[in-house]
C-alpha cells in the first residue's frame, strides 16, 4: 500500500506549501497529493480553497487575483514547481482539479498542457501521475489525457458511475463498507482512500488491500505499517 502526503505533510507544515512537500519527502511519503486552481492570469497553483481566508489573515479570491499578487501576500506553490520537485525526488503525484469554477474546463486544459510539455521528464523519472476530481465531466476530460484518471467520491451511491480506472473514496465509505475495496478490485479498479489520519483507519486500509492511502501524517503511517 502506497502512502501519499495530503497537500504535503500537512499535519506539520502549512498545507500545500513547499515546506509541506519537502516535509513529505523527509517523512518518506511515496507521493504527493495536491489540489489545483487557476489564478486570474491562468497560473496553476496548489491551493484547496477558493479564497485565502482560512490559511491566512488575508481574504483574496484565487480566481480574481493575479499570481503576482498572491505570491506577495500568501506565497502559493505553483503546480509546475511541485511537478519538478516530484520528478527530481521520484515521488508520485495525485492532482485534484477543483470544481465548480468560473473557468470551467480550462483547468484541465492547462494541466494537461503542462504535463504534455514535461512528458519526457515525467517518463524518465518513472513517477505515476493521477488526475482526480469530484466532477464527473472533469473526470471524462481527464480520461483523454495520457495519465491515470480517478473519480473522487464521498457519496457511495456515486461509485457505480465511476468511468475511470481509479476510484478515490472517503475513509467514511470504507468504514461503513470495508468490502468496497474487494468489489472495486474485482472490477479492475484501483482504490485510493482519503484522508487517513487515524491508526485504526490506516490498519483497516491495509487489511482491505487499499492501493493508496492519502494522509496528513506520512511519517506516522510508515511507522504504523512497519515501513520504517
C-alpha atoms as a PDB file:
ATOM      1  CA  UNK A   1       0.000   0.000   0.000  1.00  0.00           C
ATOM      2  CA  UNK A   2       1.431   3.352  -1.048  1.00  0.00           C
ATOM      3  CA  UNK A   3       1.390   6.402   1.224  1.00  0.00           C
ATOM      4  CA  UNK A   4       0.719   9.785  -0.366  1.00  0.00           C
ATOM      5  CA  UNK A   5       1.046  13.057   1.540  1.00  0.00           C
ATOM      6  CA  UNK A   6      -2.231  15.016   1.594  1.00  0.00           C
ATOM      7  CA  UNK A   7      -1.325  18.561   0.484  1.00  0.00           C
ATOM      8  CA  UNK A   8       2.148  17.604   1.682  1.00  0.00           C
ATOM      9  CA  UNK A   9       2.957  16.652   5.268  1.00  0.00           C
ATOM     10  CA  UNK A  10       0.161  18.989   6.270  1.00  0.00           C
ATOM     11  CA  UNK A  11      -0.080  17.887   9.891  1.00  0.00           C
ATOM     12  CA  UNK A  12       3.315  19.501  10.496  1.00  0.00           C
ATOM     13  CA  UNK A  13       3.505  22.248   7.860  1.00  0.00           C
ATOM     14  CA  UNK A  14       1.207  24.737   6.148  1.00  0.00           C
ATOM     15  CA  UNK A  15      -0.854  22.682   3.714  1.00  0.00           C
ATOM     16  CA  UNK A  16       0.062  22.909   0.038  1.00  0.00           C
ATOM     17  CA  UNK A  17       3.280  24.810   0.717  1.00  0.00           C
ATOM     18  CA  UNK A  18       6.764  23.987  -0.499  1.00  0.00           C
ATOM     19  CA  UNK A  19       7.704  23.280   3.118  1.00  0.00           C
ATOM     20  CA  UNK A  20       4.876  20.724   3.378  1.00  0.00           C
ATOM     21  CA  UNK A  21       6.072  18.850   0.293  1.00  0.00           C
ATOM     22  CA  UNK A  22       9.703  18.946   1.401  1.00  0.00           C
ATOM     23  CA  UNK A  23       8.467  17.636   4.741  1.00  0.00           C
ATOM     24  CA  UNK A  24       6.665  14.814   2.936  1.00  0.00           C
ATOM     25  CA  UNK A  25       9.940  13.801   1.286  1.00  0.00           C
ATOM     26  CA  UNK A  26      11.711  13.828   4.656  1.00  0.00           C
ATOM     27  CA  UNK A  27       8.900  11.718   6.143  1.00  0.00           C
ATOM     28  CA  UNK A  28       9.223   9.075   3.430  1.00  0.00           C
ATOM     29  CA  UNK A  29       5.979   9.591   1.524  1.00  0.00           C
ATOM     30  CA  UNK A  30       5.663   7.644  -1.726  1.00  0.00           C
ATOM     31  CA  UNK A  31       3.896  10.526  -3.395  1.00  0.00           C
ATOM     32  CA  UNK A  32       2.177  13.896  -3.103  1.00  0.00           C
ATOM     33  CA  UNK A  33      -1.483  14.900  -3.316  1.00  0.00           C
ATOM     34  CA  UNK A  34      -2.290  18.430  -4.432  1.00  0.00           C
ATOM     35  CA  UNK A  35      -5.416  20.495  -5.164  1.00  0.00           C
ATOM     36  CA  UNK A  36      -5.115  22.935  -8.052  1.00  0.00           C
ATOM     37  CA  UNK A  37      -6.827  26.169  -9.027  1.00  0.00           C
ATOM     38  CA  UNK A  38      -6.309  28.868 -11.640  1.00  0.00           C
ATOM     39  CA  UNK A  39      -5.397  32.437 -10.782  1.00  0.00           C
ATOM     40  CA  UNK A  40      -6.864  35.402 -12.666  1.00  0.00           C
ATOM     41  CA  UNK A  41      -3.907  35.267 -15.073  1.00  0.00           C
ATOM     42  CA  UNK A  42      -4.316  31.499 -15.569  1.00  0.00           C
ATOM     43  CA  UNK A  43      -1.408  30.296 -13.448  1.00  0.00           C
ATOM     44  CA  UNK A  44      -1.917  26.854 -11.873  1.00  0.00           C
ATOM     45  CA  UNK A  45      -1.361  26.960  -8.127  1.00  0.00           C
ATOM     46  CA  UNK A  46      -1.541  24.348  -5.386  1.00  0.00           C
ATOM     47  CA  UNK A  47      -4.471  25.613  -3.340  1.00  0.00           C
ATOM     48  CA  UNK A  48      -7.505  23.837  -1.932  1.00  0.00           C
ATOM     49  CA  UNK A  49      -9.851  26.704  -1.100  1.00  0.00           C
ATOM     50  CA  UNK A  50     -11.389  29.207  -3.487  1.00  0.00           C
ATOM     51  CA  UNK A  51     -10.097  32.039  -1.274  1.00  0.00           C
ATOM     52  CA  UNK A  52      -7.180  32.635   1.067  1.00  0.00           C
ATOM     53  CA  UNK A  53      -9.015  33.459   4.292  1.00  0.00           C
ATOM     54  CA  UNK A  54      -8.722  30.042   6.015  1.00  0.00           C
ATOM     55  CA  UNK A  55      -4.946  29.824   5.600  1.00  0.00           C
ATOM     56  CA  UNK A  56      -4.092  33.481   6.156  1.00  0.00           C
ATOM     57  CA  UNK A  57      -5.431  36.717   7.624  1.00  0.00           C
ATOM     58  CA  UNK A  58      -5.947  37.994   4.079  1.00  0.00           C
ATOM     59  CA  UNK A  59      -9.155  37.450   2.102  1.00  0.00           C
ATOM     60  CA  UNK A  60      -8.425  37.091  -1.619  1.00  0.00           C
ATOM     61  CA  UNK A  61     -10.391  35.093  -4.159  1.00  0.00           C
ATOM     62  CA  UNK A  62      -7.996  32.892  -6.127  1.00  0.00           C
ATOM     63  CA  UNK A  63      -9.845  33.271  -9.433  1.00  0.00           C
ATOM     64  CA  UNK A  64      -9.914  37.064  -9.120  1.00  0.00           C
ATOM     65  CA  UNK A  65      -6.293  37.556  -8.057  1.00  0.00           C
ATOM     66  CA  UNK A  66      -3.138  37.513 -10.157  1.00  0.00           C
ATOM     67  CA  UNK A  67      -0.354  35.111  -9.342  1.00  0.00           C
ATOM     68  CA  UNK A  68       1.980  38.028  -8.547  1.00  0.00           C
ATOM     69  CA  UNK A  69      -0.483  39.446  -6.021  1.00  0.00           C
ATOM     70  CA  UNK A  70      -0.950  36.043  -4.411  1.00  0.00           C
ATOM     71  CA  UNK A  71       2.807  35.433  -4.452  1.00  0.00           C
ATOM     72  CA  UNK A  72       3.436  38.584  -2.437  1.00  0.00           C
ATOM     73  CA  UNK A  73       0.616  38.055   0.044  1.00  0.00           C
ATOM     74  CA  UNK A  74       0.277  34.274   0.570  1.00  0.00           C
ATOM     75  CA  UNK A  75       3.088  32.702  -1.495  1.00  0.00           C
ATOM     76  CA  UNK A  76       1.245  29.800  -3.183  1.00  0.00           C
ATOM     77  CA  UNK A  77       3.230  26.933  -4.692  1.00  0.00           C
ATOM     78  CA  UNK A  78       2.965  26.575  -8.454  1.00  0.00           C
ATOM     79  CA  UNK A  79       1.973  23.177  -9.806  1.00  0.00           C
ATOM     80  CA  UNK A  80       4.952  23.342 -12.151  1.00  0.00           C
ATOM     81  CA  UNK A  81       7.248  23.746  -9.141  1.00  0.00           C
ATOM     82  CA  UNK A  82       5.634  20.776  -7.415  1.00  0.00           C
ATOM     83  CA  UNK A  83       5.960  18.700 -10.572  1.00  0.00           C
ATOM     84  CA  UNK A  84       9.678  19.496 -10.734  1.00  0.00           C
ATOM     85  CA  UNK A  85      10.042  18.503  -7.069  1.00  0.00           C
ATOM     86  CA  UNK A  86       8.181  15.232  -7.704  1.00  0.00           C
ATOM     87  CA  UNK A  87      10.282  14.403 -10.760  1.00  0.00           C
ATOM     88  CA  UNK A  88      13.555  15.242  -9.014  1.00  0.00           C
ATOM     89  CA  UNK A  89      12.693  13.106  -5.988  1.00  0.00           C
ATOM     90  CA  UNK A  90      10.810  10.352  -7.837  1.00  0.00           C
ATOM     91  CA  UNK A  91       7.548  10.899  -5.990  1.00  0.00           C
ATOM     92  CA  UNK A  92       4.162  10.016  -7.476  1.00  0.00           C
ATOM     93  CA  UNK A  93       1.710  12.855  -7.907  1.00  0.00           C
ATOM     94  CA  UNK A  94      -2.068  12.975  -7.442  1.00  0.00           C
ATOM     95  CA  UNK A  95      -3.695  16.161  -8.697  1.00  0.00           C
ATOM     96  CA  UNK A  96      -7.243  17.079  -7.673  1.00  0.00           C
ATOM     97  CA  UNK A  97      -8.773  19.513 -10.151  1.00  0.00           C
ATOM     98  CA  UNK A  98     -11.250  21.667  -8.256  1.00  0.00           C
ATOM     99  CA  UNK A  99     -14.800  22.260  -9.497  1.00  0.00           C
ATOM    100  CA  UNK A 100     -17.099  24.065  -9.932  1.00  0.00           C
ATOM    101  CA  UNK A 101     -15.028  27.034 -11.102  1.00  0.00           C
ATOM    102  CA  UNK A 102     -15.864  30.011 -13.290  1.00  0.00           C
ATOM    103  CA  UNK A 103     -13.296  28.990 -15.906  1.00  0.00           C
ATOM    104  CA  UNK A 104     -14.914  25.580 -16.434  1.00  0.00           C
ATOM    105  CA  UNK A 105     -12.746  23.079 -18.303  1.00  0.00           C
ATOM    106  CA  UNK A 106      -9.783  25.478 -18.608  1.00  0.00           C
ATOM    107  CA  UNK A 107      -8.122  23.926 -15.556  1.00  0.00           C
ATOM    108  CA  UNK A 108      -7.984  20.502 -17.239  1.00  0.00           C
ATOM    109  CA  UNK A 109      -6.720  22.004 -20.489  1.00  0.00           C
ATOM    110  CA  UNK A 110      -3.832  23.823 -18.815  1.00  0.00           C
ATOM    111  CA  UNK A 111      -2.879  20.961 -16.501  1.00  0.00           C
ATOM    112  CA  UNK A 112      -2.822  18.553 -19.445  1.00  0.00           C
ATOM    113  CA  UNK A 113      -0.657  21.017 -21.397  1.00  0.00           C
ATOM    114  CA  UNK A 114       1.820  21.313 -18.527  1.00  0.00           C
ATOM    115  CA  UNK A 115       2.187  17.555 -18.311  1.00  0.00           C
ATOM    116  CA  UNK A 116       2.482  17.287 -22.080  1.00  0.00           C
ATOM    117  CA  UNK A 117       5.299  19.842 -22.052  1.00  0.00           C
ATOM    118  CA  UNK A 118       7.076  17.843 -19.313  1.00  0.00           C
ATOM    119  CA  UNK A 119       6.255  14.440 -20.794  1.00  0.00           C
ATOM    120  CA  UNK A 120       9.821  13.270 -21.409  1.00  0.00           C
ATOM    121  CA  UNK A 121      10.970  14.255 -17.918  1.00  0.00           C
ATOM    122  CA  UNK A 122       7.966  12.549 -16.323  1.00  0.00           C
ATOM    123  CA  UNK A 123       8.573   9.382 -18.321  1.00  0.00           C
ATOM    124  CA  UNK A 124      12.276   9.309 -17.465  1.00  0.00           C
ATOM    125  CA  UNK A 125      11.537   9.723 -13.754  1.00  0.00           C
ATOM    126  CA  UNK A 126       9.158   6.752 -13.704  1.00  0.00           C
ATOM    127  CA  UNK A 127       6.658   8.527 -11.455  1.00  0.00           C
ATOM    128  CA  UNK A 128       2.921   7.815 -11.601  1.00  0.00           C
ATOM    129  CA  UNK A 129       0.668  10.825 -12.149  1.00  0.00           C
ATOM    130  CA  UNK A 130      -3.040  10.594 -11.352  1.00  0.00           C
ATOM    131  CA  UNK A 131      -5.653  13.230 -12.196  1.00  0.00           C
ATOM    132  CA  UNK A 132      -8.738  13.139  -9.990  1.00  0.00           C
ATOM    133  CA  UNK A 133     -11.896  15.195  -9.483  1.00  0.00           C
ATOM    134  CA  UNK A 134     -15.315  15.136  -7.833  1.00  0.00           C
ATOM    135  CA  UNK A 135     -16.689  16.345 -11.160  1.00  0.00           C
ATOM    136  CA  UNK A 136     -17.910  13.560 -13.439  1.00  0.00           C
ATOM    137  CA  UNK A 137     -17.368  15.714 -16.521  1.00  0.00           C
ATOM    138  CA  UNK A 138     -13.875  16.724 -15.439  1.00  0.00           C
ATOM    139  CA  UNK A 139     -13.147  13.026 -14.957  1.00  0.00           C
ATOM    140  CA  UNK A 140     -14.220  12.377 -18.545  1.00  0.00           C
ATOM    141  CA  UNK A 141     -11.928  15.167 -19.712  1.00  0.00           C
ATOM    142  CA  UNK A 142      -9.036  13.734 -17.711  1.00  0.00           C
ATOM    143  CA  UNK A 143      -9.555  10.355 -19.356  1.00  0.00           C
ATOM    144  CA  UNK A 144      -8.440  11.998 -22.599  1.00  0.00           C
ATOM    145  CA  UNK A 145      -5.027  12.775 -21.091  1.00  0.00           C
ATOM    146  CA  UNK A 146      -2.067  10.399 -21.082  1.00  0.00           C
ATOM    147  CA  UNK A 147      -2.280   9.982 -17.317  1.00  0.00           C
ATOM    148  CA  UNK A 148      -4.113   7.788 -14.834  1.00  0.00           C
ATOM    149  CA  UNK A 149      -7.559   9.146 -14.020  1.00  0.00           C
ATOM    150  CA  UNK A 150      -9.693   8.828 -10.911  1.00  0.00           C
ATOM    151  CA  UNK A 151     -13.188   9.772  -9.766  1.00  0.00           C
ATOM    152  CA  UNK A 152     -13.467  11.258  -6.261  1.00  0.00           C
ATOM    153  CA  UNK A 153     -16.453  10.008  -4.291  1.00  0.00           C
ATOM    154  CA  UNK A 154     -17.845  10.801  -0.847  1.00  0.00           C
ATOM    155  CA  UNK A 155     -21.369   9.565  -1.587  1.00  0.00           C
ATOM    156  CA  UNK A 156     -21.291   5.770  -2.011  1.00  0.00           C
ATOM    157  CA  UNK A 157     -24.263   5.904  -4.393  1.00  0.00           C
ATOM    158  CA  UNK A 158     -21.972   7.520  -6.979  1.00  0.00           C
ATOM    159  CA  UNK A 159     -19.423   4.691  -7.049  1.00  0.00           C
ATOM    160  CA  UNK A 160     -21.290   2.823  -9.776  1.00  0.00           C
ATOM    161  CA  UNK A 161     -20.983   5.835 -12.094  1.00  0.00           C
ATOM    162  CA  UNK A 162     -17.186   5.848 -12.000  1.00  0.00           C
ATOM    163  CA  UNK A 163     -15.870   5.930 -15.605  1.00  0.00           C
ATOM    164  CA  UNK A 164     -12.197   5.849 -14.596  1.00  0.00           C
ATOM    165  CA  UNK A 165      -9.629   3.176 -13.656  1.00  0.00           C
ATOM    166  CA  UNK A 166      -9.241   4.693 -10.160  1.00  0.00           C
ATOM    167  CA  UNK A 167     -11.916   5.304  -7.533  1.00  0.00           C
ATOM    168  CA  UNK A 168     -10.883   7.692  -4.739  1.00  0.00           C
ATOM    169  CA  UNK A 169     -13.133   7.133  -1.739  1.00  0.00           C
ATOM    170  CA  UNK A 170     -13.523   8.944   1.571  1.00  0.00           C
ATOM    171  CA  UNK A 171     -12.470   6.981   4.636  1.00  0.00           C
ATOM    172  CA  UNK A 172     -16.088   7.178   5.864  1.00  0.00           C
ATOM    173  CA  UNK A 173     -17.205   4.994   2.949  1.00  0.00           C
ATOM    174  CA  UNK A 174     -14.592   2.373   3.761  1.00  0.00           C
ATOM    175  CA  UNK A 175     -15.548   2.334   7.452  1.00  0.00           C
ATOM    176  CA  UNK A 176     -19.182   1.705   6.559  1.00  0.00           C
ATOM    177  CA  UNK A 177     -18.454  -0.869   3.866  1.00  0.00           C
ATOM    178  CA  UNK A 178     -14.982  -2.476   4.033  1.00  0.00           C
ATOM    179  CA  UNK A 179     -15.962  -4.860   1.231  1.00  0.00           C
ATOM    180  CA  UNK A 180     -15.978  -1.979  -1.240  1.00  0.00           C
ATOM    181  CA  UNK A 181     -12.259  -2.442  -1.897  1.00  0.00           C
ATOM    182  CA  UNK A 182     -12.565  -6.069  -2.960  1.00  0.00           C
ATOM    183  CA  UNK A 183     -15.620  -5.203  -5.051  1.00  0.00           C
ATOM    184  CA  UNK A 184     -13.729  -2.469  -6.885  1.00  0.00           C
ATOM    185  CA  UNK A 185     -10.668  -4.656  -7.382  1.00  0.00           C
ATOM    186  CA  UNK A 186     -12.933  -7.278  -8.912  1.00  0.00           C
ATOM    187  CA  UNK A 187     -13.972  -4.635 -11.448  1.00  0.00           C
ATOM    188  CA  UNK A 188     -10.335  -3.924 -12.222  1.00  0.00           C
ATOM    189  CA  UNK A 189     -10.281  -0.589 -10.375  1.00  0.00           C
ATOM    190  CA  UNK A 190      -7.554   0.787  -8.118  1.00  0.00           C
ATOM    191  CA  UNK A 191      -8.747   2.192  -4.792  1.00  0.00           C
ATOM    192  CA  UNK A 192      -7.372   5.366  -3.205  1.00  0.00           C
ATOM    193  CA  UNK A 193      -8.662   6.326   0.266  1.00  0.00           C
ATOM    194  CA  UNK A 194      -8.624   9.838   1.783  1.00  0.00           C
ATOM    195  CA  UNK A 195      -7.954  11.326   4.332  1.00  0.00           C
ATOM    196  CA  UNK A 196      -6.449   8.594   6.526  1.00  0.00           C
ATOM    197  CA  UNK A 197      -5.024  10.007   9.765  1.00  0.00           C
ATOM    198  CA  UNK A 198      -6.216   7.611  12.474  1.00  0.00           C
ATOM    199  CA  UNK A 199      -4.282   4.445  13.276  1.00  0.00           C
ATOM    200  CA  UNK A 200      -7.411   2.270  13.171  1.00  0.00           C
ATOM    201  CA  UNK A 201      -8.316   3.617   9.730  1.00  0.00           C
ATOM    202  CA  UNK A 202      -4.825   3.054   8.385  1.00  0.00           C
ATOM    203  CA  UNK A 203      -4.800  -0.545   9.574  1.00  0.00           C
ATOM    204  CA  UNK A 204      -8.263  -1.064   8.071  1.00  0.00           C
ATOM    205  CA  UNK A 205      -6.961   0.181   4.725  1.00  0.00           C
ATOM    206  CA  UNK A 206      -4.022  -2.208   4.906  1.00  0.00           C
ATOM    207  CA  UNK A 207      -6.275  -5.126   5.858  1.00  0.00           C
ATOM    208  CA  UNK A 208      -8.673  -4.494   2.976  1.00  0.00           C
ATOM    209  CA  UNK A 209      -5.916  -4.127   0.382  1.00  0.00           C
ATOM    210  CA  UNK A 210      -6.276  -0.441  -0.463  1.00  0.00           C
ATOM    211  CA  UNK A 211      -3.830   0.619  -3.188  1.00  0.00           C
ATOM    212  CA  UNK A 212      -3.094   4.154  -1.937  1.00  0.00           C
ATOM    213  CA  UNK A 213      -3.798   5.992   1.309  1.00  0.00           C
ATOM    214  CA  UNK A 214      -3.719   9.783   1.332  1.00  0.00           C
ATOM    215  CA  UNK A 215      -2.729  11.152   4.735  1.00  0.00           C
ATOM    216  CA  UNK A 216      -1.670  14.333   6.510  1.00  0.00           C
ATOM    217  CA  UNK A 217       0.796  12.229   8.517  1.00  0.00           C
ATOM    218  CA  UNK A 218       3.032  10.167   6.197  1.00  0.00           C
ATOM    219  CA  UNK A 219       5.695   9.546   8.843  1.00  0.00           C
ATOM    220  CA  UNK A 220       3.126   8.162  11.287  1.00  0.00           C
ATOM    221  CA  UNK A 221       1.623   5.990   8.556  1.00  0.00           C
ATOM    222  CA  UNK A 222       5.008   4.487   7.681  1.00  0.00           C
ATOM    223  CA  UNK A 223       5.717   3.657  11.311  1.00  0.00           C
ATOM    224  CA  UNK A 224       2.296   2.109  11.926  1.00  0.00           C
ATOM    225  CA  UNK A 225       2.646  -0.057   8.836  1.00  0.00           C
ATOM    226  CA  UNK A 226       6.169  -1.095   9.782  1.00  0.00           C
ATOM    227  CA  UNK A 227       7.732   0.570   6.748  1.00  0.00           C
ATOM    228  CA  UNK A 228      10.316   2.378   8.878  1.00  0.00           C
END
